[in-house]
């Protein structure tokens, strides 16, 4: 609705619980739109000084909550040939209105993941994503463990529906329509005690190292439950328009 009512050439998205880091953030984001093939300008993400111990712990253990402040303009494009993400998110980002109109905007059939699905289509169309130097947003993880688990569950639902909406994206890390995917999913909860002592990262490349990561372990389990639910309840609905 906001995009439909806006008349500007650039559209800024900002979460209601996010805050820009300084007075130059918007100026630097606009300045970064200096080439016609740059469609999305994001920001780095850091925790505010008021973050609780739990929020700092979540950011340390759960991937993608933070992205370091940069010293120079950096390109960060989502991959097209494998599972993965870029640094830009709609927590705070600037998008060309012409690109939103060209590609039809967000796919509202998705409960979560509308930004990553849109960003995939933007990149597929040949546009670039950048993060400016000295440009950041303050954004906290959930303040309670319950809030984190609900968010991870919703992420899992959205991930499953993204993967089923467009199989060519290779989002289905656990394809539940295949025997090995169902077997791996059945085994995953049995691995939970071991996962408490492993730091598992999928991006920028897969790696595992010994570390006590209880919050990461329960967050992944909640995401898996959401993924199973999203996969099982998915129903294809043609996109309007």
Foldseek 3Di string as FASTA:
>chain_A
DVLVPDDDQKDKFADPQKAKDDPCQVVQQVVVPPDPQAFKEAEWEDADPPADPVQVLCPVQAPLRGGDADAAKDWFAFDQQEDDDTNHDSNIMMGGSVLCVVVVHFQVVAPDDRGVLSSNVSVVVPGTYIYGHPIYMHHTDDNDLVSLLVVLLSLLLRLLQSCVVDVSSHSCPQPPVDPVSVVCLVCLVVCLVVVQQWRFDPPPHTDIDGHRRNSNSSSVVSSSNSNVVNNVPDDDDDGDD
